[in-house]
PDB file of all heavy atoms in Angstrom:
ATOM      1  N   THR A   1     -23.857 -16.524  10.233  1.00  0.00           N
ATOM      2  CA  THR A   1     -24.665 -17.329  11.154  1.00  0.00           C
ATOM      3  C   THR A   1     -24.285 -17.010  12.595  1.00  0.00           C
ATOM      4  O   THR A   1     -25.150 -16.789  13.451  1.00  0.00           O
ATOM      5  CB  THR A   1     -24.470 -18.828  10.882  1.00  0.00           C
ATOM      6  OG1 THR A   1     -24.899 -19.110   9.547  1.00  0.00           O
ATOM      7  CG2 THR A   1     -25.242 -19.684  11.871  1.00  0.00           C
ATOM      8  N   LEU A   2     -22.992 -16.945  12.856  1.00  0.00           N
ATOM      9  CA  LEU A   2     -22.528 -16.661  14.213  1.00  0.00           C
ATOM     10  C   LEU A   2     -22.962 -15.268  14.652  1.00  0.00           C
ATOM     11  O   LEU A   2     -23.383 -15.075  15.804  1.00  0.00           O
ATOM     12  CB  LEU A   2     -21.005 -16.812  14.276  1.00  0.00           C
ATOM     13  CG  LEU A   2     -20.391 -16.927  15.647  1.00  0.00           C
ATOM     14  CD1 LEU A   2     -21.027 -18.042  16.465  1.00  0.00           C
ATOM     15  CD2 LEU A   2     -18.904 -17.145  15.534  1.00  0.00           C
ATOM     16  N   ALA A   3     -22.899 -14.311  13.749  1.00  0.00           N
ATOM     17  CA  ALA A   3     -23.347 -12.952  14.092  1.00  0.00           C
ATOM     18  C   ALA A   3     -24.821 -12.946  14.474  1.00  0.00           C
ATOM     19  O   ALA A   3     -25.226 -12.257  15.423  1.00  0.00           O
ATOM     20  CB  ALA A   3     -23.086 -12.007  12.919  1.00  0.00           C
ATOM     21  N   ARG A   4     -25.629 -13.733  13.763  1.00  0.00           N
ATOM     22  CA  ARG A   4     -27.062 -13.823  14.118  1.00  0.00           C
ATOM     23  C   ARG A   4     -27.236 -14.498  15.472  1.00  0.00           C
ATOM     24  O   ARG A   4     -28.098 -14.114  16.258  1.00  0.00           O
ATOM     25  CB  ARG A   4     -27.828 -14.590  13.046  1.00  0.00           C
ATOM     26  CG  ARG A   4     -28.058 -13.801  11.785  1.00  0.00           C
ATOM     27  CD  ARG A   4     -29.096 -14.438  10.873  1.00  0.00           C
ATOM     28  NE  ARG A   4     -28.866 -15.837  10.596  1.00  0.00           N
ATOM     29  CZ  ARG A   4     -28.250 -16.318   9.523  1.00  0.00           C
ATOM     30  NH1 ARG A   4     -27.793 -15.504   8.597  1.00  0.00           N
ATOM     31  NH2 ARG A   4     -28.100 -17.619   9.346  1.00  0.00           N
ATOM     32  N   ARG A   5     -26.451 -15.521  15.748  1.00  0.00           N
ATOM     33  CA  ARG A   5     -26.567 -16.240  17.017  1.00  0.00           C
ATOM     34  C   ARG A   5     -26.130 -15.378  18.199  1.00  0.00           C
ATOM     35  O   ARG A   5     -26.618 -15.559  19.312  1.00  0.00           O
ATOM     36  CB  ARG A   5     -25.707 -17.502  17.011  1.00  0.00           C
ATOM     37  CG  ARG A   5     -25.995 -18.490  15.907  1.00  0.00           C
ATOM     38  CD  ARG A   5     -27.339 -19.158  16.096  1.00  0.00           C
ATOM     39  NE  ARG A   5     -27.470 -20.315  15.239  1.00  0.00           N
ATOM     40  CZ  ARG A   5     -28.259 -20.382  14.176  1.00  0.00           C
ATOM     41  NH1 ARG A   5     -28.988 -19.361  13.818  1.00  0.00           N
ATOM     42  NH2 ARG A   5     -28.323 -21.482  13.461  1.00  0.00           N
ATOM     43  N   LEU A   6     -25.211 -14.451  17.962  1.00  0.00           N
ATOM     44  CA  LEU A   6     -24.658 -13.647  19.059  1.00  0.00           C
ATOM     45  C   LEU A   6     -25.195 -12.221  19.092  1.00  0.00           C
ATOM     46  O   LEU A   6     -24.672 -11.381  19.811  1.00  0.00           O
ATOM     47  CB  LEU A   6     -23.121 -13.631  18.969  1.00  0.00           C
ATOM     48  CG  LEU A   6     -22.455 -15.000  19.077  1.00  0.00           C
ATOM     49  CD1 LEU A   6     -20.947 -14.857  19.004  1.00  0.00           C
ATOM     50  CD2 LEU A   6     -22.877 -15.730  20.329  1.00  0.00           C
ATOM     51  N   HIS A   7     -26.253 -11.950  18.327  1.00  0.00           N
ATOM     52  CA  HIS A   7     -26.889 -10.634  18.371  1.00  0.00           C
ATOM     53  C   HIS A   7     -27.363 -10.403  19.801  1.00  0.00           C
ATOM     54  O   HIS A   7     -27.941 -11.291  20.422  1.00  0.00           O
ATOM     55  CB  HIS A   7     -28.069 -10.602  17.389  1.00  0.00           C
ATOM     56  CG  HIS A   7     -28.608  -9.238  17.187  1.00  0.00           C
ATOM     57  ND1 HIS A   7     -29.533  -8.677  18.030  1.00  0.00           N
ATOM     58  CD2 HIS A   7     -28.342  -8.312  16.236  1.00  0.00           C
ATOM     59  CE1 HIS A   7     -29.826  -7.465  17.600  1.00  0.00           C
ATOM     60  NE2 HIS A   7     -29.112  -7.219  16.517  1.00  0.00           N
ATOM     61  N   LEU A   8     -27.113  -9.213  20.343  1.00  0.00           N
ATOM     62  CA  LEU A   8     -27.376  -8.999  21.768  1.00  0.00           C
ATOM     63  C   LEU A   8     -28.818  -8.663  22.116  1.00  0.00           C
ATOM     64  O   LEU A   8     -29.216  -8.777  23.265  1.00  0.00           O
ATOM     65  CB  LEU A   8     -26.443  -7.917  22.311  1.00  0.00           C
ATOM     66  CG  LEU A   8     -24.980  -8.341  22.363  1.00  0.00           C
ATOM     67  CD1 LEU A   8     -24.111  -7.200  22.862  1.00  0.00           C
ATOM     68  CD2 LEU A   8     -24.799  -9.575  23.227  1.00  0.00           C
ATOM     69  N   ARG A   9     -29.629  -8.270  21.152  1.00  0.00           N
ATOM     70  CA  ARG A   9     -31.028  -7.976  21.469  1.00  0.00           C
ATOM     71  C   ARG A   9     -31.968  -9.082  21.039  1.00  0.00           C
ATOM     72  O   ARG A   9     -32.903  -9.412  21.753  1.00  0.00           O
ATOM     73  CB  ARG A   9     -31.451  -6.664  20.823  1.00  0.00           C
ATOM     74  CG  ARG A   9     -30.936  -5.477  21.583  1.00  0.00           C
ATOM     75  CD  ARG A   9     -31.679  -4.244  21.179  1.00  0.00           C
ATOM     76  NE  ARG A   9     -30.728  -3.332  20.547  1.00  0.00           N
ATOM     77  CZ  ARG A   9     -31.062  -2.266  19.895  1.00  0.00           C
ATOM     78  NH1 ARG A   9     -32.315  -1.946  19.732  1.00  0.00           N
ATOM     79  NH2 ARG A   9     -30.146  -1.496  19.376  1.00  0.00           N
ATOM     80  N   ARG A  10     -31.754  -9.627  19.853  1.00  0.00           N
ATOM     81  CA  ARG A  10     -32.653 -10.661  19.340  1.00  0.00           C
ATOM     82  C   ARG A  10     -31.844 -11.766  18.673  1.00  0.00           C
ATOM     83  O   ARG A  10     -31.904 -11.943  17.464  1.00  0.00           O
ATOM     84  CB  ARG A  10     -33.642 -10.050  18.351  1.00  0.00           C
ATOM     85  CG  ARG A  10     -34.522  -9.002  19.020  1.00  0.00           C
ATOM     86  CD  ARG A  10     -35.544  -8.465  18.086  1.00  0.00           C
ATOM     87  NE  ARG A  10     -36.545  -9.497  17.861  1.00  0.00           N
ATOM     88  CZ  ARG A  10     -37.474  -9.432  16.944  1.00  0.00           C
ATOM     89  NH1 ARG A  10     -37.527  -8.405  16.133  1.00  0.00           N
ATOM     90  NH2 ARG A  10     -38.358 -10.391  16.797  1.00  0.00           N
ATOM     91  N   PRO A  11     -31.092 -12.508  19.467  1.00  0.00           N
ATOM     92  CA  PRO A  11     -30.271 -13.563  18.864  1.00  0.00           C
ATOM     93  C   PRO A  11     -31.118 -14.750  18.409  1.00  0.00           C
ATOM     94  O   PRO A  11     -32.125 -15.077  19.019  1.00  0.00           O
ATOM     95  CB  PRO A  11     -29.352 -13.984  20.006  1.00  0.00           C
ATOM     96  CG  PRO A  11     -30.132 -13.680  21.241  1.00  0.00           C
ATOM     97  CD  PRO A  11     -30.942 -12.452  20.907  1.00  0.00           C
ATOM     98  N   ALA A  12     -30.669 -15.355  17.324  1.00  0.00           N
ATOM     99  CA  ALA A  12     -31.245 -16.638  16.925  1.00  0.00           C
ATOM    100  C   ALA A  12     -30.617 -17.668  17.847  1.00  0.00           C
ATOM    101  O   ALA A  12     -29.423 -17.603  18.136  1.00  0.00           O
ATOM    102  CB  ALA A  12     -30.901 -16.927  15.466  1.00  0.00           C
ATOM    103  N   GLY A  13     -31.388 -18.573  18.368  1.00  0.00           N
ATOM    104  CA  GLY A  13     -30.864 -19.547  19.317  1.00  0.00           C
ATOM    105  C   GLY A  13     -29.774 -20.433  18.718  1.00  0.00           C
ATOM    106  O   GLY A  13     -29.789 -20.736  17.526  1.00  0.00           O
ATOM    107  N   LEU A  14     -28.839 -20.812  19.548  1.00  0.00           N
ATOM    108  CA  LEU A  14     -27.771 -21.730  19.150  1.00  0.00           C
ATOM    109  C   LEU A  14     -28.283 -23.159  19.126  1.00  0.00           C
ATOM    110  O   LEU A  14     -29.114 -23.537  19.952  1.00  0.00           O
ATOM    111  CB  LEU A  14     -26.624 -21.667  20.159  1.00  0.00           C
ATOM    112  CG  LEU A  14     -25.785 -20.405  20.189  1.00  0.00           C
ATOM    113  CD1 LEU A  14     -24.984 -20.364  21.478  1.00  0.00           C
ATOM    114  CD2 LEU A  14     -24.867 -20.363  18.994  1.00  0.00           C
ATOM    115  N   THR A  15     -27.749 -23.951  18.230  1.00  0.00           N
ATOM    116  CA  THR A  15     -28.012 -25.386  18.288  1.00  0.00           C
ATOM    117  C   THR A  15     -27.066 -25.992  19.325  1.00  0.00           C
ATOM    118  O   THR A  15     -26.069 -25.369  19.721  1.00  0.00           O
ATOM    119  CB  THR A  15     -27.771 -26.065  16.932  1.00  0.00           C
ATOM    120  OG1 THR A  15     -26.372 -26.013  16.631  1.00  0.00           O
ATOM    121  CG2 THR A  15     -28.588 -25.413  15.813  1.00  0.00           C
ATOM    122  N   VAL A  16     -27.349 -27.202  19.744  1.00  0.00           N
ATOM    123  CA  VAL A  16     -26.475 -27.887  20.695  1.00  0.00           C
ATOM    124  C   VAL A  16     -25.095 -28.075  20.078  1.00  0.00           C
ATOM    125  O   VAL A  16     -24.069 -27.876  20.739  1.00  0.00           O
ATOM    126  CB  VAL A  16     -27.083 -29.246  21.123  1.00  0.00           C
ATOM    127  CG1 VAL A  16     -26.100 -30.044  21.953  1.00  0.00           C
ATOM    128  CG2 VAL A  16     -28.373 -29.018  21.885  1.00  0.00           C
ATOM    129  N   ASP A  17     -25.049 -28.441  18.795  1.00  0.00           N
ATOM    130  CA  ASP A  17     -23.755 -28.616  18.120  1.00  0.00           C
ATOM    131  C   ASP A  17     -22.968 -27.307  18.083  1.00  0.00           C
ATOM    132  O   ASP A  17     -21.754 -27.302  18.301  1.00  0.00           O
ATOM    133  CB  ASP A  17     -23.951 -29.146  16.702  1.00  0.00           C
ATOM    134  CG  ASP A  17     -24.393 -30.598  16.671  1.00  0.00           C
ATOM    135  OD1 ASP A  17     -24.185 -31.318  17.678  1.00  0.00           O
ATOM    136  OD2 ASP A  17     -24.950 -31.016  15.642  1.00  0.00           O
ATOM    137  N   GLU A  18     -23.647 -26.198  17.815  1.00  0.00           N
ATOM    138  CA  GLU A  18     -22.967 -24.899  17.791  1.00  0.00           C
ATOM    139  C   GLU A  18     -22.455 -24.531  19.181  1.00  0.00           C
ATOM    140  O   GLU A  18     -21.318 -24.053  19.325  1.00  0.00           O
ATOM    141  CB  GLU A  18     -23.905 -23.811  17.280  1.00  0.00           C
ATOM    142  CG  GLU A  18     -24.218 -23.926  15.801  1.00  0.00           C
ATOM    143  CD  GLU A  18     -25.349 -23.037  15.343  1.00  0.00           C
ATOM    144  OE1 GLU A  18     -26.176 -22.595  16.182  1.00  0.00           O
ATOM    145  OE2 GLU A  18     -25.415 -22.792  14.128  1.00  0.00           O
ATOM    146  N   LEU A  19     -23.272 -24.749  20.200  1.00  0.00           N
ATOM    147  CA  LEU A  19     -22.845 -24.457  21.566  1.00  0.00           C
ATOM    148  C   LEU A  19     -21.616 -25.277  21.934  1.00  0.00           C
ATOM    149  O   LEU A  19     -20.653 -24.754  22.504  1.00  0.00           O
ATOM    150  CB  LEU A  19     -23.979 -24.738  22.555  1.00  0.00           C
ATOM    151  CG  LEU A  19     -23.647 -24.467  24.019  1.00  0.00           C
ATOM    152  CD1 LEU A  19     -23.418 -22.982  24.266  1.00  0.00           C
ATOM    153  CD2 LEU A  19     -24.754 -24.994  24.916  1.00  0.00           C
ATOM    154  N   ASN A  20     -21.625 -26.553  21.591  1.00  0.00           N
ATOM    155  CA  ASN A  20     -20.468 -27.408  21.881  1.00  0.00           C
ATOM    156  C   ASN A  20     -19.230 -26.955  21.120  1.00  0.00           C
ATOM    157  O   ASN A  20     -18.121 -26.964  21.671  1.00  0.00           O
ATOM    158  CB  ASN A  20     -20.785 -28.869  21.573  1.00  0.00           C
ATOM    159  CG  ASN A  20     -21.641 -29.498  22.641  1.00  0.00           C
ATOM    160  OD1 ASN A  20     -21.547 -29.167  23.814  1.00  0.00           O
ATOM    161  ND2 ASN A  20     -22.512 -30.410  22.243  1.00  0.00           N
ATOM    162  N   ALA A  21     -19.389 -26.554  19.859  1.00  0.00           N
ATOM    163  CA  ALA A  21     -18.251 -26.074  19.066  1.00  0.00           C
ATOM    164  C   ALA A  21     -17.680 -24.791  19.659  1.00  0.00           C
ATOM    165  O   ALA A  21     -16.454 -24.625  19.756  1.00  0.00           O
ATOM    166  CB  ALA A  21     -18.673 -25.850  17.616  1.00  0.00           C
ATOM    167  N   ILE A  22     -18.558 -23.889  20.083  1.00  0.00           N
ATOM    168  CA  ILE A  22     -18.108 -22.629  20.678  1.00  0.00           C
ATOM    169  C   ILE A  22     -17.401 -22.893  21.997  1.00  0.00           C
ATOM    170  O   ILE A  22     -16.318 -22.350  22.263  1.00  0.00           O
ATOM    171  CB  ILE A  22     -19.293 -21.662  20.852  1.00  0.00           C
ATOM    172  CG1 ILE A  22     -19.777 -21.196  19.469  1.00  0.00           C
ATOM    173  CG2 ILE A  22     -18.925 -20.478  21.742  1.00  0.00           C
ATOM    174  CD1 ILE A  22     -21.108 -20.472  19.488  1.00  0.00           C
ATOM    175  N   ALA A  23     -17.992 -23.733  22.833  1.00  0.00           N
ATOM    176  CA  ALA A  23     -17.368 -24.065  24.114  1.00  0.00           C
ATOM    177  C   ALA A  23     -15.992 -24.699  23.880  1.00  0.00           C
ATOM    178  O   ALA A  23     -15.027 -24.367  24.570  1.00  0.00           O
ATOM    179  CB  ALA A  23     -18.268 -25.000  24.914  1.00  0.00           C
ATOM    180  N   GLY A  24     -15.908 -25.597  22.903  1.00  0.00           N
ATOM    181  CA  GLY A  24     -14.629 -26.225  22.602  1.00  0.00           C
ATOM    182  C   GLY A  24     -13.594 -25.220  22.146  1.00  0.00           C
ATOM    183  O   GLY A  24     -12.435 -25.263  22.576  1.00  0.00           O
ATOM    184  N   ALA A  25     -13.980 -24.301  21.270  1.00  0.00           N
ATOM    185  CA  ALA A  25     -13.049 -23.288  20.779  1.00  0.00           C
ATOM    186  C   ALA A  25     -12.575 -22.373  21.906  1.00  0.00           C
ATOM    187  O   ALA A  25     -11.419 -21.947  21.926  1.00  0.00           O
ATOM    188  CB  ALA A  25     -13.707 -22.467  19.676  1.00  0.00           C
ATOM    189  N   LEU A  26     -13.476 -22.092  22.845  1.00  0.00           N
ATOM    190  CA  LEU A  26     -13.139 -21.218  23.973  1.00  0.00           C
ATOM    191  C   LEU A  26     -12.515 -21.986  25.139  1.00  0.00           C
ATOM    192  O   LEU A  26     -12.112 -21.383  26.133  1.00  0.00           O
ATOM    193  CB  LEU A  26     -14.382 -20.467  24.452  1.00  0.00           C
ATOM    194  CG  LEU A  26     -14.984 -19.496  23.437  1.00  0.00           C
ATOM    195  CD1 LEU A  26     -16.284 -18.912  23.981  1.00  0.00           C
ATOM    196  CD2 LEU A  26     -13.999 -18.389  23.087  1.00  0.00           C
ATOM    197  N   ASP A  27     -12.462 -23.299  25.019  1.00  0.00           N
ATOM    198  CA  ASP A  27     -11.901 -24.172  26.049  1.00  0.00           C
ATOM    199  C   ASP A  27     -12.606 -23.990  27.393  1.00  0.00           C
ATOM    200  O   ASP A  27     -11.969 -23.833  28.427  1.00  0.00           O
ATOM    201  CB  ASP A  27     -10.398 -23.960  26.177  1.00  0.00           C
ATOM    202  CG  ASP A  27      -9.712 -25.124  26.889  1.00  0.00           C
ATOM    203  OD1 ASP A  27     -10.281 -26.241  26.892  1.00  0.00           O
ATOM    204  OD2 ASP A  27      -8.621 -24.921  27.458  1.00  0.00           O
ATOM    205  N   VAL A  28     -13.944 -23.970  27.330  1.00  0.00           N
ATOM    206  CA  VAL A  28     -14.765 -23.934  28.539  1.00  0.00           C
ATOM    207  C   VAL A  28     -15.822 -25.023  28.414  1.00  0.00           C
ATOM    208  O   VAL A  28     -16.145 -25.463  27.314  1.00  0.00           O
ATOM    209  CB  VAL A  28     -15.458 -22.564  28.753  1.00  0.00           C
ATOM    210  CG1 VAL A  28     -14.443 -21.464  28.936  1.00  0.00           C
ATOM    211  CG2 VAL A  28     -16.419 -22.229  27.627  1.00  0.00           C
ATOM    212  N   ALA A  29     -16.352 -25.446  29.527  1.00  0.00           N
ATOM    213  CA  ALA A  29     -17.453 -26.409  29.506  1.00  0.00           C
ATOM    214  C   ALA A  29     -18.698 -25.708  28.977  1.00  0.00           C
ATOM    215  O   ALA A  29     -18.925 -24.525  29.271  1.00  0.00           O
ATOM    216  CB  ALA A  29     -17.711 -26.946  30.914  1.00  0.00           C
ATOM    217  N   PRO A  30     -19.525 -26.395  28.189  1.00  0.00           N
ATOM    218  CA  PRO A  30     -20.755 -25.767  27.692  1.00  0.00           C
ATOM    219  C   PRO A  30     -21.616 -25.178  28.806  1.00  0.00           C
ATOM    220  O   PRO A  30     -22.246 -24.143  28.622  1.00  0.00           O
ATOM    221  CB  PRO A  30     -21.479 -26.910  26.970  1.00  0.00           C
ATOM    222  CG  PRO A  30     -20.389 -27.848  26.568  1.00  0.00           C
ATOM    223  CD  PRO A  30     -19.362 -27.754  27.665  1.00  0.00           C
ATOM    224  N   GLY A  31     -21.619 -25.810  29.969  1.00  0.00           N
ATOM    225  CA  GLY A  31     -22.408 -25.313  31.093  1.00  0.00           C
ATOM    226  C   GLY A  31     -22.003 -23.922  31.540  1.00  0.00           C
ATOM    227  O   GLY A  31     -22.830 -23.163  32.039  1.00  0.00           O
ATOM    228  N   VAL A  32     -20.736 -23.564  31.355  1.00  0.00           N
ATOM    229  CA  VAL A  32     -20.274 -22.223  31.706  1.00  0.00           C
ATOM    230  C   VAL A  32     -21.011 -21.182  30.875  1.00  0.00           C
ATOM    231  O   VAL A  32     -21.341 -20.109  31.360  1.00  0.00           O
ATOM    232  CB  VAL A  32     -18.739 -22.103  31.504  1.00  0.00           C
ATOM    233  CG1 VAL A  32     -18.266 -20.665  31.608  1.00  0.00           C
ATOM    234  CG2 VAL A  32     -18.009 -22.977  32.517  1.00  0.00           C
ATOM    235  N   LEU A  33     -21.296 -21.521  29.630  1.00  0.00           N
ATOM    236  CA  LEU A  33     -21.997 -20.586  28.747  1.00  0.00           C
ATOM    237  C   LEU A  33     -23.495 -20.573  29.005  1.00  0.00           C
ATOM    238  O   LEU A  33     -24.171 -19.605  28.672  1.00  0.00           O
ATOM    239  CB  LEU A  33     -21.712 -20.938  27.286  1.00  0.00           C
ATOM    240  CG  LEU A  33     -20.232 -20.954  26.906  1.00  0.00           C
ATOM    241  CD1 LEU A  33     -20.057 -21.428  25.473  1.00  0.00           C
ATOM    242  CD2 LEU A  33     -19.591 -19.596  27.127  1.00  0.00           C
ATOM    243  N   LEU A  34     -24.007 -21.633  29.611  1.00  0.00           N
ATOM    244  CA  LEU A  34     -25.441 -21.722  29.873  1.00  0.00           C
ATOM    245  C   LEU A  34     -25.851 -21.131  31.211  1.00  0.00           C
ATOM    246  O   LEU A  34     -26.992 -20.718  31.384  1.00  0.00           O
ATOM    247  CB  LEU A  34     -25.890 -23.187  29.826  1.00  0.00           C
ATOM    248  CG  LEU A  34     -25.849 -23.848  28.462  1.00  0.00           C
ATOM    249  CD1 LEU A  34     -26.149 -25.333  28.602  1.00  0.00           C
ATOM    250  CD2 LEU A  34     -26.827 -23.181  27.521  1.00  0.00           C
ATOM    251  N   HIS A  35     -24.929 -21.102  32.165  1.00  0.00           N
ATOM    252  CA  HIS A  35     -25.260 -20.657  33.522  1.00  0.00           C
ATOM    253  C   HIS A  35     -24.543 -19.367  33.849  1.00  0.00           C
ATOM    254  O   HIS A  35     -23.455 -19.119  33.363  1.00  0.00           O
ATOM    255  CB  HIS A  35     -24.886 -21.731  34.545  1.00  0.00           C
ATOM    256  CG  HIS A  35     -25.584 -23.019  34.300  1.00  0.00           C
ATOM    257  ND1 HIS A  35     -26.922 -23.193  34.546  1.00  0.00           N
ATOM    258  CD2 HIS A  35     -25.143 -24.189  33.799  1.00  0.00           C
ATOM    259  CE1 HIS A  35     -27.271 -24.424  34.223  1.00  0.00           C
ATOM    260  NE2 HIS A  35     -26.215 -25.045  33.753  1.00  0.00           N
ATOM    261  N   ASP A  36     -25.154 -18.568  34.715  1.00  0.00           N
ATOM    262  CA  ASP A  36     -24.573 -17.287  35.108  1.00  0.00           C
ATOM    263  C   ASP A  36     -23.455 -17.521  36.107  1.00  0.00           C
ATOM    264  O   ASP A  36     -23.662 -17.530  37.307  1.00  0.00           O
ATOM    265  CB  ASP A  36     -25.656 -16.378  35.704  1.00  0.00           C
ATOM    266  CG  ASP A  36     -25.159 -14.950  35.854  1.00  0.00           C
ATOM    267  OD1 ASP A  36     -24.103 -14.622  35.284  1.00  0.00           O
ATOM    268  OD2 ASP A  36     -25.835 -14.184  36.543  1.00  0.00           O
ATOM    269  N   ASP A  37     -22.277 -17.728  35.564  1.00  0.00           N
ATOM    270  CA  ASP A  37     -21.084 -17.967  36.381  1.00  0.00           C
ATOM    271  C   ASP A  37     -19.993 -17.066  35.846  1.00  0.00           C
ATOM    272  O   ASP A  37     -19.107 -17.487  35.117  1.00  0.00           O
ATOM    273  CB  ASP A  37     -20.667 -19.450  36.294  1.00  0.00           C
ATOM    274  CG  ASP A  37     -19.443 -19.764  37.133  1.00  0.00           C
ATOM    275  OD1 ASP A  37     -19.041 -18.897  37.936  1.00  0.00           O
ATOM    276  OD2 ASP A  37     -18.903 -20.863  36.981  1.00  0.00           O
ATOM    277  N   ARG A  38     -20.080 -15.797  36.170  1.00  0.00           N
ATOM    278  CA  ARG A  38     -19.155 -14.817  35.606  1.00  0.00           C
ATOM    279  C   ARG A  38     -17.706 -15.167  35.875  1.00  0.00           C
ATOM    280  O   ARG A  38     -16.854 -14.983  35.030  1.00  0.00           O
ATOM    281  CB  ARG A  38     -19.461 -13.430  36.129  1.00  0.00           C
ATOM    282  CG  ARG A  38     -20.762 -12.915  35.593  1.00  0.00           C
ATOM    283  CD  ARG A  38     -21.117 -11.587  36.191  1.00  0.00           C
ATOM    284  NE  ARG A  38     -22.505 -11.320  35.900  1.00  0.00           N
ATOM    285  CZ  ARG A  38     -22.910 -10.275  35.211  1.00  0.00           C
ATOM    286  NH1 ARG A  38     -22.073  -9.415  34.757  1.00  0.00           N
ATOM    287  NH2 ARG A  38     -24.188 -10.104  34.984  1.00  0.00           N
ATOM    288  N   ASP A  39     -17.407 -15.684  37.060  1.00  0.00           N
ATOM    289  CA  ASP A  39     -16.024 -16.045  37.358  1.00  0.00           C
ATOM    290  C   ASP A  39     -15.566 -17.169  36.446  1.00  0.00           C
ATOM    291  O   ASP A  39     -14.462 -17.143  35.921  1.00  0.00           O
ATOM    292  CB  ASP A  39     -15.868 -16.456  38.824  1.00  0.00           C
ATOM    293  CG  ASP A  39     -16.104 -15.289  39.754  1.00  0.00           C
ATOM    294  OD1 ASP A  39     -15.865 -14.137  39.335  1.00  0.00           O
ATOM    295  OD2 ASP A  39     -16.528 -15.530  40.894  1.00  0.00           O
ATOM    296  N   GLY A  40     -16.407 -18.173  36.234  1.00  0.00           N
ATOM    297  CA  GLY A  40     -16.035 -19.285  35.368  1.00  0.00           C
ATOM    298  C   GLY A  40     -15.912 -18.878  33.921  1.00  0.00           C
ATOM    299  O   GLY A  40     -15.037 -19.339  33.201  1.00  0.00           O
ATOM    300  N   ALA A  41     -16.768 -17.970  33.465  1.00  0.00           N
ATOM    301  CA  ALA A  41     -16.734 -17.539  32.074  1.00  0.00           C
ATOM    302  C   ALA A  41     -15.533 -16.680  31.778  1.00  0.00           C
ATOM    303  O   ALA A  41     -15.003 -16.684  30.688  1.00  0.00           O
ATOM    304  CB  ALA A  41     -18.022 -16.792  31.715  1.00  0.00           C
TER     305      ALA A  41
END
């Protein structure tokens, strides 16, 4: 499932729960993953 979500050409969209889980695992705010903030990411 994660591989499909992170495919670089045609990813299946993440659910809000998945985005929150990923952000939590990476110890970043979900907004960092949603917005183009290369320094923050």
